[in-house]
C-alpha atoms as a PDB file:
ATOM      1  CA  VAL A   1     -36.301-133.848  10.269  1.00  0.00           C
ATOM      2  CA  CYS A   2     -34.028-133.755  12.829  1.00  0.00           C
ATOM      3  CA  PHE A   3     -32.033-130.883  15.046  1.00  0.00           C
ATOM      4  CA  CYS A   4     -28.988-130.671  16.946  1.00  0.00           C
ATOM      5  CA  SER A   5     -30.134-128.863  19.546  1.00  0.00           C
ATOM      6  CA  GLU A   6     -33.548-126.706  20.507  1.00  0.00           C
ATOM      7  CA  GLU A   7     -31.731-123.116  19.103  1.00  0.00           C
ATOM      8  CA  CYS A   8     -30.860-125.009  16.156  1.00  0.00           C
ATOM      9  CA  ARG A   9     -34.900-125.915  15.764  1.00  0.00           C
ATOM     10  CA  ASP A  10     -35.543-122.441  16.508  1.00  0.00           C
ATOM     11  CA  GLU A  11     -33.475-120.617  14.354  1.00  0.00           C
ATOM     12  CA  ALA A  12     -34.003-122.732  11.649  1.00  0.00           C
ATOM     13  CA  TRP A  13     -37.908-122.566  12.166  1.00  0.00           C
ATOM     14  CA  THR A  14     -37.972-118.202  12.084  1.00  0.00           C
ATOM     15  CA  GLN A  15     -35.339-118.976   8.886  1.00  0.00           C
ATOM     16  CA  TYR A  16     -37.136-121.265   6.476  1.00  0.00           C
ATOM     17  CA  HIS A  17     -38.610-124.540   8.556  1.00  0.00           C
ATOM     18  CA  LEU A  18     -42.046-122.724   8.798  1.00  0.00           C
ATOM     19  CA  LEU A  19     -42.511-122.575   5.053  1.00  0.00           C
ATOM     20  CA  GLU A  20     -40.940-125.917   4.665  1.00  0.00           C
ATOM     21  CA  CYS A  21     -42.314-127.824   7.365  1.00  0.00           C
ATOM     22  CA  SER A  22     -45.438-129.312   5.728  1.00  0.00           C
ATOM     23  CA  ILE A  23     -44.369-129.510   2.174  1.00  0.00           C
ATOM     24  CA  LEU A  24     -41.297-131.026   3.002  1.00  0.00           C
ATOM     25  CA  ASN A  25     -42.487-134.804   2.069  1.00  0.00           C
ATOM     26  CA  HIS A  26     -43.776-133.578  -1.243  1.00  0.00           C
ATOM     27  CA  ILE A  27     -39.863-132.780  -2.587  1.00  0.00           C
ATOM     28  CA  LEU A  28     -38.337-135.500  -0.714  1.00  0.00           C
ATOM     29  CA  HIS A  29     -40.367-138.421  -1.876  1.00  0.00           C
ATOM     30  CA  SER A  30     -40.944-137.172  -5.718  1.00  0.00           C
ATOM     31  CA  ARG A  31     -39.418-139.402  -7.992  1.00  0.00           C
ATOM     32  CA  GLU A  32     -39.310-136.542 -10.502  1.00  0.00           C
ATOM     33  CA  LEU A  33     -37.363-133.628  -8.328  1.00  0.00           C
ATOM     34  CA  SER A  34     -33.762-133.960  -8.174  1.00  0.00           C
ATOM     35  CA  LYS A  35     -31.779-133.593  -4.627  1.00  0.00           C
ATOM     36  CA  MET A  36     -31.188-129.339  -5.655  1.00  0.00           C
ATOM     37  CA  ALA A  37     -35.037-129.099  -5.609  1.00  0.00           C
ATOM     38  CA  TRP A  38     -34.844-128.429  -2.354  1.00  0.00           C
ATOM     39  CA  LEU A  39     -31.710-126.231  -1.912  1.00  0.00           C
ATOM     40  CA  VAL A  40     -33.598-124.150  -4.718  1.00  0.00           C
ATOM     41  CA  TYR A  41     -37.129-124.361  -2.667  1.00  0.00           C
ATOM     42  CA  ARG A  42     -35.239-123.237   0.220  1.00  0.00           C
ATOM     43  CA  ILE A  43     -33.199-120.133  -0.924  1.00  0.00           C
ATOM     44  CA  VAL A  44     -36.240-118.658  -2.673  1.00  0.00           C
ATOM     45  CA  ALA A  45     -38.332-119.807   0.446  1.00  0.00           C
ATOM     46  CA  LYS A  46     -35.284-117.868   2.917  1.00  0.00           C
ATOM     47  CA  ALA A  47     -35.563-115.226   0.413  1.00  0.00           C
ATOM     48  CA  MET A  48     -39.002-114.636   0.818  1.00  0.00           C
ATOM     49  CA  ILE A  49     -39.358-114.282   4.443  1.00  0.00           C
ATOM     50  CA  ILE A  50     -36.447-111.806   4.695  1.00  0.00           C
ATOM     51  CA  ARG A  51     -38.255-109.707   2.090  1.00  0.00           C
ATOM     52  CA  LYS A  52     -41.589-109.717   3.938  1.00  0.00           C
ATOM     53  CA  GLU A  53     -43.147-112.482   1.286  1.00  0.00           C
ATOM     54  CA  ASP A  54     -42.796-109.892  -1.785  1.00  0.00           C
ATOM     55  CA  VAL A  55     -41.872-111.895  -4.614  1.00  0.00           C
ATOM     56  CA  SER A  56     -41.493-109.195  -6.965  1.00  0.00           C
ATOM     57  CA  SER A  57     -38.388-108.146  -4.687  1.00  0.00           C
ATOM     58  CA  LEU A  58     -36.660-110.559  -5.062  1.00  0.00           C
ATOM     59  CA  LYS A  59     -36.016-110.136  -8.821  1.00  0.00           C
ATOM     60  CA  PRO A  60     -33.027-107.382  -8.149  1.00  0.00           C
ATOM     61  CA  SER A  61     -32.765-103.956 -10.173  1.00  0.00           C
ATOM     62  CA  PRO A  62     -29.673-103.307 -12.542  1.00  0.00           C
ATOM     63  CA  ASP A  63     -28.519-100.779 -10.311  1.00  0.00           C
ATOM     64  CA  THR A  64     -28.452-102.927  -7.167  1.00  0.00           C
ATOM     65  CA  PRO A  65     -25.029-103.081  -5.744  1.00  0.00           C
ATOM     66  CA  ASN A  66     -23.144-106.703  -5.922  1.00  0.00           C
ATOM     67  CA  PRO A  67     -20.366-106.596  -4.286  1.00  0.00           C
ATOM     68  CA  PHE A  68     -20.166-110.788  -3.969  1.00  0.00           C
ATOM     69  CA  LEU A  69     -21.426-111.551  -0.286  1.00  0.00           C
ATOM     70  CA  SER A  70     -22.454-114.691   0.564  1.00  0.00           C
ATOM     71  CA  ASP A  71     -25.303-113.702   2.173  1.00  0.00           C
ATOM     72  CA  ASN A  72     -26.599-111.389  -0.118  1.00  0.00           C
ATOM     73  CA  TYR A  73     -29.481-112.970  -1.955  1.00  0.00           C
ATOM     74  CA  ASN A  74     -29.056-110.327  -5.168  1.00  0.00           C
ATOM     75  CA  THR A  75     -25.463-112.446  -5.000  1.00  0.00           C
ATOM     76  CA  VAL A  76     -27.232-115.479  -5.299  1.00  0.00           C
ATOM     77  CA  TRP A  77     -29.787-114.640  -7.976  1.00  0.00           C
ATOM     78  CA  GLY A  78     -26.885-113.344 -10.444  1.00  0.00           C
ATOM     79  CA  GLN A  79     -25.027-116.432 -10.511  1.00  0.00           C
ATOM     80  CA  VAL A  80     -24.836-118.168 -14.424  1.00  0.00           C
ATOM     81  CA  THR A  81     -27.862-120.015 -15.636  1.00  0.00           C
ATOM     82  CA  HIS A  82     -26.265-121.063 -18.985  1.00  0.00           C
ATOM     83  CA  SER A  83     -29.931-121.036 -20.566  1.00  0.00           C
ATOM     84  CA  ILE A  84     -28.902-120.605 -24.010  1.00  0.00           C
ATOM     85  CA  ALA A  85     -26.802-123.742 -23.502  1.00  0.00           C
ATOM     86  CA  ARG A  86     -29.428-125.937 -22.515  1.00  0.00           C
ATOM     87  CA  THR A  87     -31.603-128.502 -24.447  1.00  0.00           C
ATOM     88  CA  PRO A  88     -35.668-127.495 -24.569  1.00  0.00           C
ATOM     89  CA  ALA A  89     -36.283-131.067 -23.052  1.00  0.00           C
ATOM     90  CA  ASP A  90     -33.827-130.003 -20.135  1.00  0.00           C
ATOM     91  CA  MET A  91     -35.640-126.745 -19.886  1.00  0.00           C
ATOM     92  CA  LEU A  92     -38.846-128.455 -20.203  1.00  0.00           C
ATOM     93  CA  LYS A  93     -37.924-130.511 -16.814  1.00  0.00           C
ATOM     94  CA  ARG A  94     -37.026-127.941 -15.149  1.00  0.00           C
ATOM     95  CA  THR A  95     -40.172-125.604 -15.649  1.00  0.00           C
ATOM     96  CA  ILE A  96     -42.050-128.309 -14.499  1.00  0.00           C
ATOM     97  CA  SER A  97     -40.284-128.390 -11.619  1.00  0.00           C
ATOM     98  CA  ALA A  98     -40.721-124.896 -11.026  1.00  0.00           C
ATOM     99  CA  ILE A  99     -44.059-124.503 -11.367  1.00  0.00           C
ATOM    100  CA  PHE A 100     -44.582-127.667  -8.794  1.00  0.00           C
ATOM    101  CA  LEU A 101     -42.152-125.684  -6.232  1.00  0.00           C
ATOM    102  CA  THR A 102     -44.316-122.859  -7.075  1.00  0.00           C
ATOM    103  CA  SER A 103     -47.326-124.580  -6.145  1.00  0.00           C
ATOM    104  CA  LEU A 104     -45.775-126.143  -2.625  1.00  0.00           C
ATOM    105  CA  LEU A 105     -44.202-122.445  -1.816  1.00  0.00           C
ATOM    106  CA  GLN A 106     -48.096-120.943  -2.783  1.00  0.00           C
ATOM    107  CA  HIS A 107     -49.666-123.220  -0.843  1.00  0.00           C
ATOM    108  CA  VAL A 108     -47.688-122.243   3.105  1.00  0.00           C
ATOM    109  CA  ILE A 109     -47.160-118.700   2.417  1.00  0.00           C
ATOM    110  CA  SER A 110     -49.570-116.312   4.225  1.00  0.00           C
ATOM    111  CA  VAL A 111     -50.240-114.124   1.289  1.00  0.00           C
ATOM    112  CA  LYS A 112     -50.981-114.725  -2.712  1.00  0.00           C
ATOM    113  CA  THR A 113     -48.310-113.758  -4.979  1.00  0.00           C
ATOM    114  CA  ASP A 114     -47.373-113.771  -8.373  1.00  0.00           C
ATOM    115  CA  GLU A 115     -47.098-117.315  -9.468  1.00  0.00           C
ATOM    116  CA  VAL A 116     -45.277-116.684 -12.622  1.00  0.00           C
ATOM    117  CA  THR A 117     -42.979-113.847 -11.307  1.00  0.00           C
ATOM    118  CA  MET A 118     -42.129-116.753  -8.292  1.00  0.00           C
ATOM    119  CA  SER A 119     -41.780-119.726 -11.174  1.00  0.00           C
ATOM    120  CA  MET A 120     -39.112-118.129 -13.163  1.00  0.00           C
ATOM    121  CA  VAL A 121     -37.629-117.229  -9.898  1.00  0.00           C
ATOM    122  CA  MET A 122     -37.458-121.137  -9.079  1.00  0.00           C
ATOM    123  CA  LEU A 123     -36.541-121.936 -12.848  1.00  0.00           C
ATOM    124  CA  ARG A 124     -33.951-119.051 -12.559  1.00  0.00           C
ATOM    125  CA  HIS A 125     -32.358-121.123  -9.169  1.00  0.00           C
ATOM    126  CA  LEU A 126     -32.811-124.683 -10.663  1.00  0.00           C
ATOM    127  CA  GLN A 127     -30.514-123.990 -13.597  1.00  0.00           C
ATOM    128  CA  SER A 128     -27.620-121.844 -11.777  1.00  0.00           C
ATOM    129  CA  CYS A 129     -27.445-124.005  -8.613  1.00  0.00           C
ATOM    130  CA  SER A 130     -27.050-127.086 -10.901  1.00  0.00           C
ATOM    131  CA  CYS A 131     -23.956-125.573 -11.815  1.00  0.00           C
ATOM    132  CA  ASN A 132     -23.073-123.382  -9.262  1.00  0.00           C
ATOM    133  CA  ALA A 133     -24.185-124.887  -5.852  1.00  0.00           C
ATOM    134  CA  TYR A 134     -21.831-126.903  -3.799  1.00  0.00           C
ATOM    135  CA  GLN A 135     -22.033-130.144  -1.260  1.00  0.00           C
ATOM    136  CA  ILE A 136     -21.836-129.672   2.525  1.00  0.00           C
ATOM    137  CA  THR A 137     -20.042-133.369   3.656  1.00  0.00           C
ATOM    138  CA  GLU A 138     -18.882-135.186   6.854  1.00  0.00           C
ATOM    139  CA  HIS A 139     -15.930-137.325   6.874  1.00  0.00           C
ATOM    140  CA  ILE A 140     -17.087-140.801   8.197  1.00  0.00           C
ATOM    141  CA  VAL A 141     -14.591-142.649   9.802  1.00  0.00           C
ATOM    142  CA  PRO A 142     -15.409-146.483  10.612  1.00  0.00           C
ATOM    143  CA  GLU A 143     -14.236-147.150  14.091  1.00  0.00           C
ATOM    144  CA  GLY A 144     -11.810-144.638  14.029  1.00  0.00           C
ATOM    145  CA  ASN A 145     -10.087-146.387  10.987  1.00  0.00           C
ATOM    146  CA  ILE A 146      -8.748-143.568   8.770  1.00  0.00           C
ATOM    147  CA  LYS A 147      -7.659-145.827   6.149  1.00  0.00           C
ATOM    148  CA  ARG A 148     -11.241-146.930   5.832  1.00  0.00           C
ATOM    149  CA  SER A 149     -12.260-143.393   5.781  1.00  0.00           C
ATOM    150  CA  ASP A 150     -14.582-141.707   3.106  1.00  0.00           C
ATOM    151  CA  GLU A 151     -16.889-138.421   2.546  1.00  0.00           C
ATOM    152  CA  LYS A 152     -20.377-138.299   3.010  1.00  0.00           C
ATOM    153  CA  GLU A 153     -22.770-135.545   1.339  1.00  0.00           C
ATOM    154  CA  LEU A 154     -24.824-133.996   4.161  1.00  0.00           C
ATOM    155  CA  GLY A 155     -26.490-131.457   1.762  1.00  0.00           C
ATOM    156  CA  GLY A 156     -26.158-129.158  -0.359  1.00  0.00           C
ATOM    157  CA  ALA A 157     -25.046-124.852  -0.194  1.00  0.00           C
ATOM    158  CA  VAL A 158     -24.867-121.971  -2.293  1.00  0.00           C
ATOM    159  CA  TYR A 159     -21.455-120.346  -1.815  1.00  0.00           C
ATOM    160  CA  PRO A 160     -21.458-117.035  -4.166  1.00  0.00           C
ATOM    161  CA  THR A 161     -18.070-116.286  -3.096  1.00  0.00           C
ATOM    162  CA  ILE A 162     -16.437-119.714  -3.851  1.00  0.00           C
ATOM    163  CA  SER A 163     -18.134-119.775  -6.945  1.00  0.00           C
ATOM    164  CA  LEU A 164     -16.069-117.220  -8.765  1.00  0.00           C
ATOM    165  CA  CYS A 165     -13.146-119.464  -8.272  1.00  0.00           C
ATOM    166  CA  ASN A 166     -12.709-121.221 -12.291  1.00  0.00           C
ATOM    167  CA  HIS A 167     -12.325-125.091 -12.213  1.00  0.00           C
ATOM    168  CA  SER A 168      -8.494-126.751 -13.285  1.00  0.00           C
ATOM    169  CA  CYS A 169      -8.285-130.274 -13.063  1.00  0.00           C
ATOM    170  CA  ASN A 170      -5.367-129.679 -10.998  1.00  0.00           C
ATOM    171  CA  PRO A 171      -6.465-127.104  -8.632  1.00  0.00           C
ATOM    172  CA  ASN A 172      -4.498-125.063  -5.927  1.00  0.00           C
ATOM    173  CA  VAL A 173      -7.155-124.955  -3.319  1.00  0.00           C
ATOM    174  CA  VAL A 174      -9.311-127.517  -1.561  1.00  0.00           C
ATOM    175  CA  ARG A 175     -12.824-127.037   0.218  1.00  0.00           C
ATOM    176  CA  HIS A 176     -13.815-128.397   3.386  1.00  0.00           C
ATOM    177  CA  SER A 177     -17.057-127.819   5.206  1.00  0.00           C
ATOM    178  CA  ILE A 178     -16.879-127.187   8.852  1.00  0.00           C
ATOM    179  CA  GLY A 179     -20.261-127.047  10.109  1.00  0.00           C
ATOM    180  CA  ARG A 180     -22.207-125.056   7.401  1.00  0.00           C
ATOM    181  CA  VAL A 181     -19.439-123.118   6.229  1.00  0.00           C
ATOM    182  CA  CYS A 182     -17.274-123.753   3.197  1.00  0.00           C
ATOM    183  CA  VAL A 183     -12.940-123.325   4.028  1.00  0.00           C
ATOM    184  CA  VAL A 184     -11.087-122.914   1.052  1.00  0.00           C
ATOM    185  CA  ARG A 185      -7.228-123.683   1.332  1.00  0.00           C
ATOM    186  CA  ALA A 186      -4.483-123.820  -0.691  1.00  0.00           C
ATOM    187  CA  ILE A 187      -2.730-127.175  -1.425  1.00  0.00           C
ATOM    188  CA  ARG A 188       0.040-125.449  -3.409  1.00  0.00           C
ATOM    189  CA  ASN A 189       1.896-122.242  -3.701  1.00  0.00           C
ATOM    190  CA  ILE A 190       0.059-119.354  -5.475  1.00  0.00           C
ATOM    191  CA  LYS A 191       2.105-116.363  -6.380  1.00  0.00           C
ATOM    192  CA  THR A 192       0.561-112.638  -6.065  1.00  0.00           C
ATOM    193  CA  GLY A 193      -1.666-112.257  -8.962  1.00  0.00           C
ATOM    194  CA  ASP A 194      -2.030-115.793  -9.589  1.00  0.00           C
ATOM    195  CA  GLU A 195      -5.616-117.062 -10.304  1.00  0.00           C
ATOM    196  CA  ILE A 196      -7.403-119.338  -7.770  1.00  0.00           C
ATOM    197  CA  HIS A 197      -8.404-122.295  -9.512  1.00  0.00           C
ATOM    198  CA  ASP A 198     -11.396-124.739  -7.533  1.00  0.00           C
ATOM    199  CA  ASN A 199     -12.186-128.173  -8.686  1.00  0.00           C
ATOM    200  CA  TYR A 200     -15.514-129.109  -9.738  1.00  0.00           C
ATOM    201  CA  GLY A 201     -15.714-132.800  -9.729  1.00  0.00           C
ATOM    202  CA  PRO A 202     -13.235-134.363 -12.594  1.00  0.00           C
ATOM    203  CA  HIS A 203      -9.175-134.320 -10.808  1.00  0.00           C
ATOM    204  CA  TYR A 204      -7.106-135.457 -13.563  1.00  0.00           C
ATOM    205  CA  LEU A 205      -5.307-137.981 -10.334  1.00  0.00           C
ATOM    206  CA  SER A 206      -8.468-139.903 -10.532  1.00  0.00           C
ATOM    207  CA  SER A 207     -10.063-139.744 -14.311  1.00  0.00           C
ATOM    208  CA  SER A 208      -8.731-139.748 -17.696  1.00  0.00           C
ATOM    209  CA  ARG A 209      -9.223-136.906 -19.842  1.00  0.00           C
ATOM    210  CA  GLU A 210     -11.628-137.657 -21.993  1.00  0.00           C
ATOM    211  CA  VAL A 211     -14.152-138.395 -18.638  1.00  0.00           C
ATOM    212  CA  ARG A 212     -13.350-135.035 -17.245  1.00  0.00           C
ATOM    213  CA  GLN A 213     -13.924-133.177 -20.598  1.00  0.00           C
ATOM    214  CA  ASN A 214     -17.536-135.169 -20.888  1.00  0.00           C
ATOM    215  CA  LEU A 215     -18.356-134.330 -17.490  1.00  0.00           C
ATOM    216  CA  LEU A 216     -17.837-130.818 -17.499  1.00  0.00           C
ATOM    217  CA  CYS A 217     -18.983-129.934 -20.881  1.00  0.00           C
ATOM    218  CA  THR A 218     -22.279-131.730 -19.819  1.00  0.00           C
ATOM    219  CA  GLN A 219     -22.741-130.455 -16.836  1.00  0.00           C
ATOM    220  CA  TYR A 220     -20.902-126.939 -16.890  1.00  0.00           C
ATOM    221  CA  PHE A 221     -21.092-126.338 -20.518  1.00  0.00           C
ATOM    222  CA  PHE A 222     -17.152-125.272 -21.004  1.00  0.00           C
ATOM    223  CA  THR A 223     -14.467-127.160 -22.043  1.00  0.00           C
ATOM    224  CA  CYS A 224     -11.479-127.349 -19.914  1.00  0.00           C
ATOM    225  CA  VAL A 225      -8.064-125.685 -21.264  1.00  0.00           C
ATOM    226  CA  CYS A 226      -5.546-126.287 -17.832  1.00  0.00           C
ATOM    227  CA  ASP A 227      -2.338-127.463 -17.521  1.00  0.00           C
ATOM    228  CA  ALA A 228      -3.381-131.295 -16.995  1.00  0.00           C
ATOM    229  CA  CYS A 229      -5.833-131.270 -19.911  1.00  0.00           C
ATOM    230  CA  SER A 230      -3.930-129.246 -22.762  1.00  0.00           C
ATOM    231  CA  ASN A 231      -1.332-131.610 -22.149  1.00  0.00           C
ATOM    232  CA  ASN A 232      -2.994-134.568 -21.147  1.00  0.00           C
ATOM    233  CA  TRP A 233      -1.439-135.040 -17.814  1.00  0.00           C
ATOM    234  CA  PRO A 234      -1.829-139.233 -16.716  1.00  0.00           C
ATOM    235  CA  THR A 235      -3.548-140.442 -13.383  1.00  0.00           C
ATOM    236  CA  VAL A 236      -2.103-141.153 -10.682  1.00  0.00           C
ATOM    237  CA  GLU A 237      -1.857-145.020 -11.241  1.00  0.00           C
ATOM    238  CA  LYS A 238       0.204-144.112 -14.297  1.00  0.00           C
ATOM    239  CA  LEU A 239       2.495-141.110 -13.322  1.00  0.00           C
ATOM    240  CA  ASN A 240       6.023-142.598 -12.798  1.00  0.00           C
ATOM    241  CA  PRO A 241       7.639-141.581  -9.633  1.00  0.00           C
ATOM    242  CA  ALA A 242      10.941-141.935 -10.660  1.00  0.00           C
ATOM    243  CA  ALA A 243      10.509-139.777 -13.550  1.00  0.00           C
ATOM    244  CA  VAL A 244      11.016-136.239 -12.013  1.00  0.00           C
ATOM    245  CA  ALA A 245      12.274-132.898 -13.806  1.00  0.00           C
ATOM    246  CA  TYR A 246      13.389-129.334 -11.848  1.00  0.00           C
ATOM    247  CA  LYS A 247      12.801-126.064 -12.976  1.00  0.00           C
ATOM    248  CA  CYS A 248      13.581-122.648 -11.980  1.00  0.00           C
ATOM    249  CA  THR A 249      12.561-121.282  -8.598  1.00  0.00           C
ATOM    250  CA  GLN A 250      11.931-117.998 -10.098  1.00  0.00           C
ATOM    251  CA  CYS A 251      11.036-118.115 -13.452  1.00  0.00           C
ATOM    252  CA  SER A 252       9.458-121.866 -13.445  1.00  0.00           C
ATOM    253  CA  ALA A 253      11.332-122.723 -16.667  1.00  0.00           C
ATOM    254  CA  ILE A 254      12.670-126.638 -16.703  1.00  0.00           C
ATOM    255  CA  ILE A 255      16.404-126.847 -15.947  1.00  0.00           C
ATOM    256  CA  GLY A 256      16.748-130.702 -16.181  1.00  0.00           C
ATOM    257  CA  ASP A 257      16.044-134.154 -14.573  1.00  0.00           C
ATOM    258  CA  SER A 258      19.397-133.653 -12.260  1.00  0.00           C
ATOM    259  CA  ILE A 259      19.298-132.114  -8.751  1.00  0.00           C
ATOM    260  CA  LEU A 260      23.040-131.826  -8.126  1.00  0.00           C
ATOM    261  CA  GLY A 261      25.219-129.220  -7.997  1.00  0.00           C
ATOM    262  CA  LEU A 262      24.687-125.303  -9.251  1.00  0.00           C
ATOM    263  CA  LYS A 263      22.242-124.738 -11.885  1.00  0.00           C
ATOM    264  CA  ILE A 264      21.608-121.747 -14.076  1.00  0.00           C
ATOM    265  CA  CYS A 265      18.510-121.165 -15.298  1.00  0.00           C
ATOM    266  CA  PRO A 266      18.919-120.970 -19.368  1.00  0.00           C
ATOM    267  CA  ASN A 267      15.532-118.790 -19.207  1.00  0.00           C
ATOM    268  CA  CYS A 268      16.762-116.178 -16.596  1.00  0.00           C
ATOM    269  CA  ASN A 269      20.267-116.800 -15.650  1.00  0.00           C
ATOM    270  CA  LYS A 270      19.251-117.406 -12.079  1.00  0.00           C
ATOM    271  CA  LYS A 271      21.930-119.230  -9.776  1.00  0.00           C
ATOM    272  CA  ILE A 272      20.240-122.136  -8.150  1.00  0.00           C
ATOM    273  CA  ASP A 273      22.407-124.427  -5.836  1.00  0.00           C
ATOM    274  CA  PHE A 274      20.420-127.544  -5.845  1.00  0.00           C
ATOM    275  CA  ASN A 275      23.220-129.554  -3.573  1.00  0.00           C
ATOM    276  CA  LYS A 276      21.477-127.520  -0.552  1.00  0.00           C
ATOM    277  CA  ILE A 277      17.414-127.614  -2.217  1.00  0.00           C
ATOM    278  CA  ALA A 278      18.330-131.514  -2.483  1.00  0.00           C
ATOM    279  CA  LYS A 279      19.560-132.263   1.492  1.00  0.00           C
ATOM    280  CA  ARG A 280      16.554-130.480   2.468  1.00  0.00           C
ATOM    281  CA  LEU A 281      13.659-132.700   0.002  1.00  0.00           C
ATOM    282  CA  GLU A 282      15.394-135.651   1.338  1.00  0.00           C
ATOM    283  CA  THR A 283      14.913-134.587   4.543  1.00  0.00           C
ATOM    284  CA  LEU A 284      11.791-133.880   4.385  1.00  0.00           C
ATOM    285  CA  SER A 285      10.777-137.033   2.830  1.00  0.00           C
ATOM    286  CA  ARG A 286      12.076-139.243   5.671  1.00  0.00           C
ATOM    287  CA  GLU A 287      10.026-136.820   7.932  1.00  0.00           C
ATOM    288  CA  PHE A 288       7.076-137.430   5.457  1.00  0.00           C
ATOM    289  CA  ASN A 289       6.802-140.878   5.999  1.00  0.00           C
ATOM    290  CA  LYS A 290       6.361-140.129   9.755  1.00  0.00           C
ATOM    291  CA  ALA A 291       3.908-137.780   9.506  1.00  0.00           C
ATOM    292  CA  VAL A 292       1.905-140.400   7.596  1.00  0.00           C
ATOM    293  CA  GLU A 293       2.014-142.198  10.637  1.00  0.00           C
ATOM    294  CA  ASN A 294       1.004-139.070  12.320  1.00  0.00           C
ATOM    295  CA  LEU A 295      -2.008-138.594  10.180  1.00  0.00           C
ATOM    296  CA  LEU A 296      -3.115-142.516  11.035  1.00  0.00           C
ATOM    297  CA  LEU A 297      -2.667-141.475  14.404  1.00  0.00           C
ATOM    298  CA  TRP A 298      -5.375-138.667  14.287  1.00  0.00           C
ATOM    299  CA  ARG A 299      -2.284-136.249  14.870  1.00  0.00           C
ATOM    300  CA  THR A 300      -3.192-134.094  11.865  1.00  0.00           C
ATOM    301  CA  SER A 301      -1.468-130.999  13.099  1.00  0.00           C
ATOM    302  CA  GLN A 302       1.923-132.813  13.094  1.00  0.00           C
ATOM    303  CA  CYS A 303       1.320-134.083  10.013  1.00  0.00           C
ATOM    304  CA  LEU A 304       0.217-131.194   8.646  1.00  0.00           C
ATOM    305  CA  LYS A 305       3.500-128.890   9.519  1.00  0.00           C
ATOM    306  CA  THR A 306       5.636-131.649   7.800  1.00  0.00           C
ATOM    307  CA  CYS A 307       3.128-132.130   4.778  1.00  0.00           C
ATOM    308  CA  LEU A 308       2.934-128.225   4.023  1.00  0.00           C
ATOM    309  CA  GLU A 309       6.571-127.416   3.752  1.00  0.00           C
ATOM    310  CA  TYR A 310       7.367-130.704   1.801  1.00  0.00           C
ATOM    311  CA  CYS A 311       4.992-129.748  -0.229  1.00  0.00           C
ATOM    312  CA  SER A 312       6.077-126.528  -1.043  1.00  0.00           C
ATOM    313  CA  LEU A 313       9.280-127.184  -1.192  1.00  0.00           C
ATOM    314  CA  MET A 314       8.307-129.771  -3.730  1.00  0.00           C
ATOM    315  CA  ASP A 315       6.333-127.446  -5.772  1.00  0.00           C
ATOM    316  CA  SER A 316       8.869-124.715  -5.846  1.00  0.00           C
ATOM    317  CA  VAL A 317      11.648-126.631  -7.768  1.00  0.00           C
ATOM    318  CA  ILE A 318       9.563-129.495  -9.172  1.00  0.00           C
ATOM    319  CA  VAL A 319       7.611-129.851 -12.824  1.00  0.00           C
ATOM    320  CA  HIS A 320       3.850-130.934 -12.349  1.00  0.00           C
ATOM    321  CA  PRO A 321       2.738-133.892 -12.868  1.00  0.00           C
ATOM    322  CA  ASN A 322       4.829-135.195 -10.065  1.00  0.00           C
ATOM    323  CA  LYS A 323       3.577-138.184  -8.040  1.00  0.00           C
ATOM    324  CA  LYS A 324       5.474-137.506  -4.379  1.00  0.00           C
ATOM    325  CA  ILE A 325       3.588-133.947  -5.047  1.00  0.00           C
ATOM    326  CA  ALA A 326       0.028-135.770  -5.728  1.00  0.00           C
ATOM    327  CA  ILE A 327       0.591-138.066  -2.143  1.00  0.00           C
ATOM    328  CA  CYS A 328       1.487-135.543  -0.508  1.00  0.00           C
ATOM    329  CA  GLN A 329      -1.281-133.242  -1.344  1.00  0.00           C
ATOM    330  CA  GLN A 330      -3.683-136.144  -0.830  1.00  0.00           C
ATOM    331  CA  ALA A 331      -2.361-136.313   2.925  1.00  0.00           C
ATOM    332  CA  ILE A 332      -2.198-132.722   3.391  1.00  0.00           C
ATOM    333  CA  THR A 333      -5.914-132.656   1.843  1.00  0.00           C
ATOM    334  CA  LEU A 334      -6.700-135.823   4.233  1.00  0.00           C
ATOM    335  CA  SER A 335      -5.921-134.078   7.898  1.00  0.00           C
ATOM    336  CA  TRP A 336      -7.522-131.146   7.043  1.00  0.00           C
ATOM    337  CA  SER A 337     -11.112-133.006   6.185  1.00  0.00           C
ATOM    338  CA  LEU A 338     -10.177-135.040   9.943  1.00  0.00           C
ATOM    339  CA  MET A 339     -10.312-131.326  11.501  1.00  0.00           C
ATOM    340  CA  SER A 340     -13.639-130.517   9.750  1.00  0.00           C
ATOM    341  CA  ASN A 341     -17.026-132.168  10.424  1.00  0.00           C
ATOM    342  CA  VAL A 342     -16.153-136.134  10.781  1.00  0.00           C
ATOM    343  CA  GLN A 343     -18.026-138.458  12.291  1.00  0.00           C
ATOM    344  CA  ASN A 344     -16.615-141.651  14.134  1.00  0.00           C
ATOM    345  CA  VAL A 345     -19.009-144.609  13.462  1.00  0.00           C
END
């Protein structure tokens, strides 16, 4: 295990590493344990250190306040497990893993605790983390070449507040790692009262509806009914950049495929001067090309300023799915990634 500084090492030791150091090889080199096992072990170990190794206190009482704070263990405990939906084989494997992790933790703690209760706690988190944990990532940029950059997983974490967000194959937010903190940012307009939709992995731009539905049903136990799934949106390769439908800026009703002249919404009767909007879109389209050049030169702030305005305007007048919006959102997402955890190699 490597630490970035002595301060980081000392902090890790007091918070959790004193219960990990001597048994870590048994977790990392195991052929049977998943990557999630280490995260689950740390969750329980850290909670026990905070609660003076009292395993009985890990299970909250029904009256325990639960304000969904990310640093509150009770919030982590309360995350959904989907126990009923899991197969007997799945539960058996997780139960064996829970017993093994319990034996490791029992080996390093100073007092003996109830093994059954501790195994139950481990089992609960082995289930909940499989559908609630997040990756901590770093953006790898080979020789500073952004075109060749890609994300690399550094580890995992549980962010209970972010877990409150439901999934959409066309999300309105993206996540980025800054250190160990997860930052959530909007990538399109979100009206007051609208739900914040995260993406759990499968995105309509890169995966077909069948692939997305299978993955979500297998890992997260739900059938997605987002706009992309309900209307079977095409992937980015199949999106026609010339096919554009415009909508009302007030009620979002479809107005037509022309952006010329004064339009009256057939739904709310709002008058919209599309000539003015068309001129601004044309200007921003040219500026977007320059913004991409700035992005490739690491001028992320300059790129973001243009892309955010362009994407916001397109999102307010153009019906999804749209290839130009998708490309602009990707530029925004990459800009934020390059302002987060980055490593030049």
